[in-house]
Structures are given as structure tokens and as C-alpha cells.
Protein backbone atom coordinates (compact mmCIF):
# COMPACT_ATOMS: atom_id res chain seq x y z
CA MET A 1 -4.26 34.43 -48.34
CA PRO A 2 -4.58 34.75 -44.52
CA LYS A 3 -7.36 32.13 -44.59
CA ASN A 4 -5.17 29.70 -46.54
CA ARG A 5 -2.31 30.32 -44.13
CA ASP A 6 -4.62 29.63 -41.17
CA LEU A 7 -5.80 26.43 -42.83
CA CYS A 8 -2.22 25.30 -43.38
CA GLN A 9 -1.31 26.05 -39.78
CA TYR A 10 -4.37 24.15 -38.57
CA ALA A 11 -3.51 21.17 -40.80
CA ASP A 12 0.08 21.17 -39.52
CA MET A 13 -1.15 21.27 -35.93
CA GLU A 14 -3.57 18.41 -36.55
CA LEU A 15 -0.82 16.35 -38.19
CA GLY A 16 1.53 17.06 -35.29
CA LEU A 17 -1.06 16.02 -32.71
CA THR A 18 -1.89 12.87 -34.71
CA ILE A 19 1.78 11.88 -34.76
CA ALA A 20 2.00 12.66 -31.04
CA ALA A 21 -1.04 10.43 -30.45
CA VAL A 22 0.58 7.51 -32.29
CA ILE A 23 3.85 7.93 -30.37
CA SER A 24 1.95 8.28 -27.08
CA GLY A 25 -0.03 5.13 -27.81
CA ALA A 26 3.16 3.23 -28.62
CA PHE A 27 4.69 4.39 -25.32
CA ILE A 28 1.61 3.41 -23.31
CA GLY A 29 1.47 0.04 -25.09
CA SER A 30 5.14 -0.57 -24.32
CA VAL A 31 4.54 0.17 -20.64
CA LEU A 32 1.59 -2.23 -20.56
CA GLY A 33 3.43 -4.90 -22.55
CA PHE A 34 6.68 -4.88 -20.61
CA ILE A 35 5.44 -4.02 -17.11
CA GLY A 36 1.81 -5.17 -17.20
CA ALA A 37 0.37 -2.07 -15.50
CA GLY A 38 0.68 1.69 -15.44
CA GLY A 39 -1.02 2.62 -18.72
CA ALA A 40 -3.46 5.06 -17.13
CA MET A 41 -0.76 6.62 -15.00
CA VAL A 42 1.04 7.87 -18.11
CA SER A 43 -2.00 8.42 -20.31
CA VAL A 44 -3.53 10.99 -17.94
CA PRO A 45 -0.40 13.25 -18.00
CA ILE A 46 -0.20 12.79 -21.77
CA PHE A 47 -3.75 14.08 -22.20
CA LEU A 48 -3.07 16.90 -19.74
CA TYR A 49 0.25 18.21 -21.02
CA ILE A 50 0.33 17.23 -24.71
CA PHE A 51 -3.31 17.46 -25.77
CA ASP A 52 -4.30 20.17 -23.26
CA PHE A 53 -7.28 18.28 -21.85
CA THR A 54 -8.84 19.43 -18.58
CA PRO A 55 -8.21 17.07 -15.62
CA VAL A 56 -11.74 15.65 -15.81
CA ALA A 57 -11.53 15.17 -19.59
CA ALA A 58 -8.05 13.62 -19.27
CA THR A 59 -9.16 11.07 -16.67
CA THR A 60 -12.27 10.25 -18.73
CA ALA A 61 -10.32 9.74 -21.97
CA SER A 62 -7.80 7.65 -20.04
CA LEU A 63 -10.60 5.33 -18.94
CA ALA A 64 -11.46 4.59 -22.57
CA VAL A 65 -7.83 3.95 -23.54
CA VAL A 66 -7.16 1.68 -20.56
CA PHE A 67 -10.44 -0.21 -21.00
CA LEU A 68 -9.64 -1.10 -24.62
CA SER A 69 -6.06 -2.04 -23.70
CA ALA A 70 -7.22 -4.25 -20.81
CA VAL A 71 -9.84 -6.02 -22.93
CA SER A 72 -7.24 -6.78 -25.60
CA GLY A 73 -5.13 -8.58 -23.00
CA LEU A 74 -7.93 -10.61 -21.43
CA ALA A 75 -8.31 -13.31 -24.11
CA PRO A 76 -4.92 -15.03 -23.60
CA LYS A 77 -5.37 -14.84 -19.82
CA ILE A 78 -8.77 -16.52 -20.08
CA LYS A 79 -7.35 -19.28 -22.29
CA SER A 80 -4.53 -19.96 -19.82
CA LYS A 81 -7.01 -19.87 -16.90
CA ASP A 82 -4.99 -17.17 -15.15
CA ILE A 83 -8.03 -15.13 -14.08
CA LEU A 84 -9.89 -15.55 -10.80
CA ILE A 85 -13.20 -14.52 -12.35
CA LYS A 86 -15.30 -14.83 -9.18
CA GLU A 87 -12.87 -12.78 -7.05
CA GLY A 88 -12.42 -10.17 -9.79
CA ALA A 89 -16.18 -9.77 -10.26
CA ILE A 90 -16.70 -9.45 -6.50
CA ILE A 91 -14.00 -6.75 -6.19
CA TRP A 92 -15.61 -4.85 -9.09
CA ALA A 93 -19.13 -5.20 -7.64
CA LEU A 94 -18.11 -4.10 -4.15
CA GLY A 95 -16.30 -1.09 -5.59
CA LEU A 96 -19.34 0.09 -7.56
CA LEU A 97 -20.40 2.39 -4.73
CA THR A 98 -17.22 4.49 -4.77
CA ASN A 99 -16.54 4.05 -8.49
CA ILE A 100 -19.91 5.32 -9.70
CA GLY A 101 -20.28 7.77 -6.80
CA PHE A 102 -17.03 9.59 -7.47
CA GLY A 103 -17.55 9.29 -11.23
CA LEU A 104 -20.81 11.22 -10.95
CA VAL A 105 -19.51 14.00 -8.68
CA VAL A 106 -15.94 14.36 -9.99
CA THR A 107 -16.92 17.39 -12.09
CA GLN A 108 -17.80 19.20 -8.86
CA ILE A 109 -14.37 18.61 -7.29
CA PRO A 110 -11.74 21.37 -7.76
CA GLU A 111 -9.18 20.50 -10.43
CA GLN A 112 -6.31 21.19 -8.04
CA ILE A 113 -7.60 18.53 -5.63
CA ILE A 114 -7.90 16.00 -8.45
CA LEU A 115 -4.36 16.64 -9.70
CA ILE A 116 -2.74 16.54 -6.25
CA GLY A 117 -4.67 13.36 -5.40
CA PHE A 118 -3.59 11.84 -8.71
CA SER A 119 0.03 12.69 -7.87
CA ILE A 120 -0.24 10.94 -4.51
CA VAL A 121 -1.57 7.85 -6.29
CA LEU A 122 1.41 7.96 -8.67
CA ILE A 123 3.82 8.00 -5.73
CA ALA A 124 2.01 5.04 -4.15
CA ALA A 125 2.20 3.16 -7.45
CA ALA A 126 5.92 3.90 -7.73
CA TYR A 127 6.47 2.54 -4.22
CA SER A 128 4.62 -0.69 -5.08
CA MET A 129 6.89 -1.17 -8.12
CA LEU A 130 10.09 -0.50 -6.16
CA LYS A 131 9.14 -2.86 -3.35
CA SER A 132 10.91 -6.22 -3.60
CA PRO A 133 8.61 -9.20 -4.25
CA ILE A 134 8.31 -11.90 -1.62
CA LEU A 135 8.99 -15.59 -2.17
CA SER A 136 6.13 -17.76 -3.40
CA LEU A 137 3.90 -18.94 -0.57
CA PRO A 138 0.80 -21.15 -0.52
CA GLU A 139 -2.29 -19.43 -1.91
CA LYS A 140 -4.84 -18.42 0.75
CA ARG A 141 -8.30 -16.88 0.86
CA MET A 142 -8.69 -13.11 1.23
CA PRO A 143 -10.54 -12.04 4.43
CA THR A 144 -13.91 -10.39 3.85
CA TRP A 145 -12.89 -7.07 5.44
CA ALA A 146 -9.80 -6.84 3.26
CA LEU A 147 -11.78 -7.69 0.14
CA VAL A 148 -14.32 -4.92 0.87
CA LEU A 149 -11.62 -2.34 1.68
CA LEU A 150 -9.58 -3.17 -1.43
CA SER A 151 -12.69 -2.96 -3.60
CA LEU A 152 -13.74 0.45 -2.26
CA VAL A 153 -10.24 1.92 -2.63
CA ILE A 154 -9.83 0.65 -6.20
CA GLY A 155 -13.31 1.93 -7.09
CA SER A 156 -12.42 5.34 -5.64
CA ILE A 157 -9.21 5.84 -7.62
CA THR A 158 -10.91 4.65 -10.81
CA GLY A 159 -13.85 7.03 -10.44
CA LEU A 160 -11.68 9.97 -9.41
CA PHE A 161 -8.48 9.61 -11.40
CA GLY A 162 -9.24 7.33 -14.36
CA ILE A 163 -6.83 4.65 -13.07
CA GLY A 164 -7.85 1.00 -13.25
CA GLY A 165 -6.21 0.08 -9.95
CA GLY A 166 -4.00 -2.73 -11.21
CA PHE A 167 -0.95 -1.31 -9.43
CA LEU A 168 -2.86 -1.76 -6.15
CA ALA A 169 -4.64 -5.04 -6.83
CA ILE A 170 -1.56 -6.99 -7.95
CA PRO A 171 0.74 -6.31 -4.95
CA VAL A 172 -2.14 -6.77 -2.48
CA LEU A 173 -3.08 -10.14 -4.02
CA VAL A 174 0.54 -11.27 -4.22
CA LEU A 175 2.13 -9.81 -1.09
CA PHE A 176 -0.70 -10.18 1.42
CA PHE A 177 -2.77 -13.08 0.10
CA ASN A 178 -0.11 -15.17 -1.65
CA THR A 179 -1.96 -15.29 -4.96
CA PRO A 180 0.37 -16.54 -7.73
CA GLN A 181 1.77 -13.67 -9.81
CA ASN A 182 0.19 -14.89 -13.05
CA LYS A 183 -3.26 -15.18 -11.47
CA ALA A 184 -2.90 -11.81 -9.76
CA ALA A 185 -1.99 -10.13 -13.05
CA GLY A 186 -4.87 -11.79 -14.92
CA THR A 187 -7.39 -11.00 -12.21
CA SER A 188 -6.14 -7.42 -12.07
CA LEU A 189 -6.70 -7.09 -15.82
CA LEU A 190 -10.34 -8.16 -15.39
CA ILE A 191 -10.83 -5.70 -12.52
CA ILE A 192 -9.28 -2.89 -14.59
CA ALA A 193 -11.55 -3.58 -17.59
CA LEU A 194 -14.74 -3.71 -15.50
CA ASN A 195 -13.85 -0.69 -13.38
CA CYS A 196 -12.81 1.48 -16.34
CA LEU A 197 -15.99 0.66 -18.27
CA THR A 198 -18.14 1.44 -15.21
CA ALA A 199 -16.41 4.76 -14.51
CA LEU A 200 -16.52 5.71 -18.20
CA LEU A 201 -20.29 5.19 -18.29
CA ALA A 202 -20.69 7.16 -15.04
CA LYS A 203 -18.92 10.13 -16.67
CA PHE A 204 -21.26 10.26 -19.68
CA SER A 205 -21.89 13.97 -19.06
CA VAL A 206 -18.23 14.69 -19.91
CA TRP A 207 -18.16 12.76 -23.22
CA GLU A 208 -19.28 15.68 -25.36
CA GLN A 209 -16.40 17.82 -24.06
CA ILE A 210 -13.77 15.46 -25.49
CA ASN A 211 -12.28 15.23 -28.96
CA TRP A 212 -12.33 11.43 -29.13
CA SER A 213 -10.17 11.15 -32.26
CA TYR A 214 -6.91 11.40 -30.29
CA PRO A 215 -7.86 8.91 -27.52
CA LEU A 216 -8.96 6.48 -30.26
CA ILE A 217 -5.63 6.78 -32.08
CA ILE A 218 -3.76 6.35 -28.79
CA ALA A 219 -5.85 3.30 -27.88
CA VAL A 220 -5.27 1.56 -31.24
CA ALA A 221 -1.53 2.27 -31.18
CA GLY A 222 -1.38 1.19 -27.54
CA VAL A 223 -3.16 -2.12 -28.14
CA LEU A 224 -0.99 -3.02 -31.14
CA THR A 225 2.22 -2.13 -29.33
CA ALA A 226 1.19 -3.94 -26.16
CA GLN A 227 0.52 -7.11 -28.12
CA ALA A 228 4.00 -6.98 -29.63
CA THR A 229 5.92 -5.97 -26.51
CA SER A 230 4.14 -8.52 -24.30
CA ARG A 231 5.81 -11.26 -26.35
CA LEU A 232 9.20 -9.59 -25.96
CA ALA A 233 8.63 -9.23 -22.23
CA LEU A 234 8.78 -13.00 -21.83
CA ARG A 235 12.45 -12.89 -22.88
CA THR A 236 13.35 -9.49 -21.38
CA PRO A 237 14.33 -8.82 -17.73
CA THR A 238 11.82 -6.23 -16.47
CA VAL A 239 13.26 -5.41 -13.04
CA HIS A 240 15.19 -2.36 -14.24
CA LEU A 241 12.29 -1.32 -16.50
CA LYS A 242 9.95 -1.29 -13.50
CA GLN A 243 12.43 0.69 -11.46
CA GLY A 244 12.89 3.25 -14.24
CA PHE A 245 9.14 3.54 -14.69
CA ALA A 246 8.68 4.01 -10.94
CA PHE A 247 11.11 6.95 -10.96
CA LEU A 248 9.27 8.38 -14.00
CA LEU A 249 6.03 8.27 -12.00
CA ILE A 250 7.69 10.06 -9.09
CA ALA A 251 8.97 12.74 -11.48
CA LEU A 252 5.50 13.17 -13.01
CA ALA A 253 3.96 13.42 -9.54
CA GLY A 254 6.53 15.99 -8.44
CA PHE A 255 6.02 18.08 -11.56
CA THR A 256 2.23 17.99 -11.21
CA ILE A 257 2.33 18.98 -7.54
CA PHE A 258 4.83 21.75 -8.35
CA THR A 259 2.53 23.23 -11.02
CA GLN A 260 -0.41 23.23 -8.61
CA VAL A 261 1.22 24.79 -5.55
CA ILE A 262 3.46 27.36 -7.25
């Protein structure tokens, strides 16, 4: 009888986590569909606090989820020619040094440092979403020094925190280099896909520590939801959604820092 009871409890727990994975994927997909970025920033806390992943496992699983989500959104952007392929590939290539480097050594970094650093990135992302956009200006070429710096920073946060870097690439391209919003978003999606795949491969030593069934469920639910909500986003004002999401990121960052210093 005790064995049967344990089996029932295990089955109930598995069912509960499966349902949580579907709901989590739908939430992540909604964020991606309506806002166009931020999937990794909520998927990492979901893996940490709902599925009890370690920080390294959470950032690694997040890379897989975000990679699949980004790839699913690339096709329509390619058809509409809203991707600066050359610039995106250069940013990815220049960031390989920090992306792969941090991806290989991240297991040696104390978990507290990773979580506090991740929280700082969340606050920076929230600021970029709350900042008012500037008026459209003529498109201009990005200086070489800025391109290298942007690439290294994006590669660093991808390798360390499992974040694709779209929240950084889009405002930099739009605000500082006057890239049209649609091209910035499409190019960012390409950068995210390439960076996440690279960092995921660099963390191959962590793969065996992860129960991949939940990230897979989250990824599938996220992709399907993102496809649906992206169509709704065309007819839905997203200003207040971005502001609300920004405050959610600040709350997540505050909670994470609080749990690490108390």
C-alpha cells in the first residue's frame, strides 16, 4: 500500500509540473508575441522557482527554450526582409569569444554571483522597456568600436545568464544607430537564435543534469502561443504591456537579490 501511495503522489506531482510547464510556456509565448523580447528573462526564474533547477541548469534550459522560440519567429521576418543578416552575423561572430568563454566556465562561478548578475540584467532590461522611444531618424552605419562592444556584451550575458540579448540589441540599434524598429527586431531575433544555440552547445557538460521533458513542453507551448499572440499584437496597444512587464522584471530582480543577501 505505501508503494502505491508513493506512486500516486509521484504521478500527481508529475501531472502538476506538466500543467505548470504548459502554463509557463503559454506565458512566455505571450510575452514574446506581444512584446517581442523578454522570454529568457521570465523562463530562467520559472525554472529556478517552479521546477527547482539550479542556476546553471536554469540558464541552460532557458537557452533551449529561447532558441526554439526565436527560430520559429525568423521565417516571417526573412520573408519580409526585416533582418540585417550581415550585421546580425557579425555581432554573433564578434561575441563568440565572451559567449563561448563564459559558457565553458559558468559552472565554476558561484551561484550567488550568477543570480545577482542576472538580477542586474533584469533591471537594465526593465529600464530599456520604460525608456521612451525616439522619433524615426535616417538609418546610419554603426561604428566599428560600438559594434565590437555590443557584440561582446551580448555574448557575455548569453553565456552567463542564458539571455539572448534582444533587450539590449533592439534599443541600441534603434536609439543610437537609427535602425528602423522592424529591422532592429528582426535582426535581434537572428542574434538571439545564433547566440542561444552557441551558448547551449558550449554548456554541453550540463545537459545530463537537466530533465529536458519540462523545457521541451515549455518550448512547444511557448512557440504555439507566440505565433497566436504575435497576430493579436498587431491590433493591440503594447505600451502598457511593456510597462507592466518592466515592473515585473524589477520585482523578480528584487526578489532574487533579496533571497541571495538575506
